Amino acid sequence: MSLLDVTGLTIRYGDDTVVDGADLYIERGESVGLVGKSGSGKSQSALAILGLLPHRARVSGSIEFDGQQLLGASSQALDTVRARRIGMVFQDPMQALNPYLRVGTQMRQILLRHGLAGKAEAGSRVTEALARVGLPDPERQSRAFPHQLSGGMRQRVMIASALIAEPDLLIADEPTTALDVTVQAQILELLEEIRDNTALLLITHDLGIVAG
């Protein structure tokens, strides 16, 4: 059985069908590219996997993660999977990161809420995670608010946050769209280097990125 097994995924809003019978299979440690033009339903599919679509969305099909049916699962069941077993890197970290909390605080919350570290250990785990993604002076940067970091640094924080719980699957939704070409290449290389045995679902409209 695949780590992620999506069959017949269909997403509708009223009379509009935004995803129609999509199938997707990802094995442990595998990299898979989900490619399509803007508005083709790529991000909607990713949000469906995590149960993050709005209530008005009508979703059908099957989404199995490691044998567990996620489609129709309760919020409590999904909370045991989100962040802990499936990490997510969103396209715009300024929208995904809480502007009122320091980045280190946000990352510590992931560890504490899932019981992955005690208060004493969580701080050092955050510093290690930020250092791993190449953030300079990670201890100082962990005390920064998102707006105090550059776009490339915020994206590194997002990747560190997504991987700090050592998930089985990382979903990266257009992770380099807002970055310049040089930083884009660094982020893609970083994703490949640090994900270890974590499976990767890379969502993009750029075939060059998938080829890389």
Protein backbone atom coordinates (compact mmCIF):
# COMPACT_ATOMS: atom_id res chain seq x y z
CA MET A 1 0.00 0.00 0.00
CA SER A 2 1.23 3.51 -0.89
CA LEU A 3 1.93 6.04 1.85
CA LEU A 4 -0.63 8.34 0.22
CA ASP A 5 -3.37 6.85 -1.94
CA VAL A 6 -5.80 9.34 -3.48
CA THR A 7 -8.42 7.91 -5.83
CA GLY A 8 -11.28 9.60 -7.63
CA LEU A 9 -10.81 12.91 -5.82
CA THR A 10 -13.54 15.31 -6.91
CA ILE A 11 -14.05 18.79 -5.49
CA ARG A 12 -17.09 20.90 -6.29
CA TYR A 13 -18.31 24.34 -5.31
CA GLY A 14 -21.97 24.54 -6.21
CA ASP A 15 -22.21 23.68 -9.89
CA ASP A 16 -18.48 24.22 -10.50
CA THR A 17 -16.14 21.22 -10.49
CA VAL A 18 -12.57 22.29 -9.72
CA VAL A 19 -11.06 18.79 -9.45
CA ASP A 20 -12.60 15.89 -11.34
CA GLY A 21 -11.67 12.31 -10.43
CA ALA A 22 -7.98 12.82 -9.67
CA ASP A 23 -5.77 9.86 -8.69
CA LEU A 24 -2.46 10.29 -6.88
CA TYR A 25 -0.10 7.76 -5.31
CA ILE A 26 3.04 8.48 -3.32
CA GLU A 27 5.37 5.85 -1.87
CA ARG A 28 7.52 6.37 1.22
CA GLY A 29 10.54 8.53 0.42
CA GLU A 30 9.31 9.26 -3.11
CA SER A 31 9.20 12.68 -4.81
CA VAL A 32 6.08 13.37 -6.88
CA GLY A 33 5.31 16.51 -8.87
CA LEU A 34 1.72 17.73 -9.19
CA VAL A 35 1.79 20.01 -12.21
CA GLY A 36 -0.83 22.26 -13.77
CA LYS A 37 -1.60 25.82 -14.74
CA SER A 38 -2.94 28.32 -12.22
CA GLY A 39 -6.53 27.54 -11.27
CA SER A 40 -6.32 23.88 -12.25
CA GLY A 41 -7.04 22.63 -8.72
CA LYS A 42 -3.54 21.74 -7.51
CA SER A 43 -3.73 23.63 -4.22
CA GLN A 44 -7.34 22.54 -3.72
CA SER A 45 -6.17 18.92 -3.91
CA ALA A 46 -3.48 19.54 -1.31
CA LEU A 47 -5.92 21.24 1.04
CA ALA A 48 -8.36 18.35 0.58
CA ILE A 49 -5.67 15.91 1.72
CA LEU A 50 -5.28 17.87 4.95
CA GLY A 51 -9.00 18.49 5.42
CA LEU A 52 -8.54 22.25 5.12
CA LEU A 53 -11.10 23.08 2.44
CA PRO A 54 -13.97 25.43 3.36
CA HIS A 55 -17.25 23.88 4.50
CA ARG A 56 -19.01 24.78 1.25
CA ALA A 57 -16.68 22.50 -0.73
CA ARG A 58 -18.18 19.14 -1.62
CA VAL A 59 -15.47 16.50 -1.71
CA SER A 60 -15.82 12.89 -2.84
CA GLY A 61 -13.49 10.01 -3.59
CA SER A 62 -10.93 8.49 -1.25
CA ILE A 63 -7.87 9.88 0.53
CA GLU A 64 -5.93 7.21 2.42
CA PHE A 65 -2.76 8.06 4.30
CA ASP A 66 -0.84 5.07 5.59
CA GLY A 67 -4.08 3.08 5.54
CA GLN A 68 -6.10 5.74 7.37
CA GLN A 69 -9.06 7.30 5.56
CA LEU A 70 -8.74 11.08 5.84
CA LEU A 71 -11.74 12.09 3.76
CA GLY A 72 -14.60 12.60 6.17
CA ALA A 73 -12.39 12.09 9.23
CA SER A 74 -13.09 14.15 12.34
CA SER A 75 -11.04 17.25 13.17
CA GLN A 76 -9.59 15.36 16.13
CA ALA A 77 -8.39 12.54 13.88
CA LEU A 78 -6.98 14.98 11.33
CA ASP A 79 -5.12 16.88 14.05
CA THR A 80 -3.11 13.74 14.80
CA VAL A 81 -1.92 13.77 11.18
CA ARG A 82 -1.48 17.45 10.36
CA ALA A 83 2.02 18.75 11.08
CA ARG A 84 2.91 15.55 12.93
CA ARG A 85 2.80 13.14 9.96
CA ILE A 86 2.08 15.48 7.03
CA GLY A 87 3.95 18.76 6.88
CA MET A 88 2.89 21.64 4.64
CA VAL A 89 4.91 24.42 3.04
CA PHE A 90 2.52 27.06 1.74
CA GLN A 91 3.11 29.34 -1.23
CA ASP A 92 3.11 32.54 0.82
CA PRO A 93 4.74 32.25 4.25
CA MET A 94 3.45 35.70 5.21
CA GLN A 95 -0.07 34.30 5.08
CA ALA A 96 0.85 31.00 6.73
CA LEU A 97 2.96 32.39 9.58
CA ASN A 98 1.26 34.18 12.47
CA PRO A 99 2.43 37.84 12.27
CA TYR A 100 1.87 38.33 16.02
CA LEU A 101 4.13 35.51 17.20
CA ARG A 102 7.89 35.16 16.97
CA VAL A 103 8.87 32.36 14.59
CA GLY A 104 10.49 30.33 17.36
CA THR A 105 7.29 30.46 19.41
CA GLN A 106 5.27 29.16 16.48
CA MET A 107 7.67 26.28 15.92
CA ARG A 108 7.77 25.36 19.61
CA GLN A 109 3.98 25.12 19.60
CA ILE A 110 4.14 22.34 17.00
CA LEU A 111 6.41 20.26 19.22
CA LEU A 112 4.50 20.95 22.43
CA ARG A 113 1.01 20.35 21.03
CA HIS A 114 2.02 16.99 19.60
CA GLY A 115 3.98 15.96 22.67
CA LEU A 116 7.22 15.68 20.70
CA ALA A 117 9.33 17.63 23.18
CA GLY A 118 9.14 19.19 26.62
CA LYS A 119 9.49 22.93 27.19
CA ALA A 120 13.17 22.63 28.00
CA GLU A 121 14.00 20.65 24.86
CA ALA A 122 11.69 22.49 22.45
CA GLY A 123 13.86 25.60 22.27
CA SER A 124 16.98 23.70 21.27
CA ARG A 125 14.98 21.66 18.72
CA VAL A 126 13.80 24.90 17.09
CA THR A 127 17.34 26.28 16.90
CA GLU A 128 18.57 23.03 15.36
CA ALA A 129 15.76 23.03 12.79
CA LEU A 130 16.48 26.62 11.75
CA ALA A 131 20.19 25.90 11.48
CA ARG A 132 19.43 22.85 9.34
CA VAL A 133 17.66 24.97 6.73
CA GLY A 134 20.60 27.35 6.57
CA LEU A 135 19.18 30.29 8.50
CA PRO A 136 22.08 32.45 9.74
CA ASP A 137 22.31 32.98 13.49
CA PRO A 138 19.29 30.71 14.10
CA GLU A 139 18.99 31.44 17.83
CA ARG A 140 18.61 35.17 17.15
CA GLN A 141 16.32 34.63 14.15
CA SER A 142 14.02 32.45 16.23
CA ARG A 143 13.18 35.58 18.24
CA ALA A 144 12.21 37.53 15.10
CA PHE A 145 8.70 38.22 13.87
CA PRO A 146 7.91 37.07 10.31
CA HIS A 147 7.94 40.61 8.88
CA GLN A 148 11.49 41.09 10.12
CA LEU A 149 12.79 38.35 7.80
CA SER A 150 13.39 38.41 4.05
CA GLY A 151 11.22 36.35 1.70
CA GLY A 152 13.86 33.64 1.37
CA MET A 153 14.38 33.49 5.13
CA ARG A 154 10.62 33.23 5.76
CA GLN A 155 10.42 30.35 3.31
CA ARG A 156 13.26 28.60 5.15
CA VAL A 157 11.33 29.08 8.40
CA MET A 158 8.27 27.50 6.76
CA ILE A 159 10.31 24.50 5.65
CA ALA A 160 11.86 24.14 9.11
CA SER A 161 8.39 24.33 10.68
CA ALA A 162 7.05 21.70 8.29
CA LEU A 163 9.91 19.31 8.98
CA ILE A 164 10.47 19.86 12.71
CA ALA A 165 8.04 17.07 13.61
CA GLU A 166 9.82 14.70 11.17
CA PRO A 167 6.67 13.98 9.10
CA ASP A 168 6.30 11.07 6.70
CA LEU A 169 5.04 13.35 3.92
CA LEU A 170 5.91 16.94 3.02
CA ILE A 171 3.54 18.89 0.76
CA ALA A 172 5.20 21.92 -0.82
CA ASP A 173 2.71 24.17 -2.61
CA GLU A 174 4.52 26.45 -5.09
CA PRO A 175 7.27 26.97 -2.48
CA THR A 176 9.43 29.21 -4.68
CA THR A 177 6.92 31.33 -6.61
CA ALA A 178 7.58 34.61 -4.75
CA LEU A 179 11.38 34.20 -4.71
CA ASP A 180 14.05 35.36 -7.13
CA VAL A 181 15.83 32.80 -9.30
CA THR A 182 18.89 32.48 -7.05
CA VAL A 183 16.91 31.96 -3.84
CA GLN A 184 14.50 29.67 -5.72
CA ALA A 185 17.37 27.34 -6.63
CA GLN A 186 18.62 27.38 -3.03
CA ILE A 187 15.18 26.45 -1.65
CA LEU A 188 14.73 23.57 -4.11
CA GLU A 189 18.19 22.23 -3.32
CA LEU A 190 17.41 22.56 0.38
CA LEU A 191 14.17 20.58 0.03
CA GLU A 192 16.04 17.74 -1.62
CA GLU A 193 18.90 17.76 0.89
CA ILE A 194 17.05 17.81 4.20
CA ARG A 195 13.92 15.78 3.67
CA ASP A 196 15.82 12.50 4.29
CA ASN A 197 13.23 9.70 3.95
CA THR A 198 10.26 12.08 3.95
CA ALA A 199 8.08 11.71 0.86
CA LEU A 200 7.61 14.93 -1.10
CA LEU A 201 4.58 16.18 -3.02
CA LEU A 202 5.79 19.22 -4.96
CA ILE A 203 2.99 21.37 -6.39
CA THR A 204 3.99 23.70 -9.18
CA HIS A 205 3.11 25.13 -12.60
CA ASP A 206 6.79 25.07 -13.63
CA LEU A 207 8.00 21.98 -15.50
CA GLY A 208 11.60 23.12 -15.06
CA ILE A 209 11.26 22.87 -11.29
CA VAL A 210 9.82 19.36 -11.57
CA ALA A 211 12.63 18.31 -13.91
CA GLY A 212 15.16 19.56 -11.36
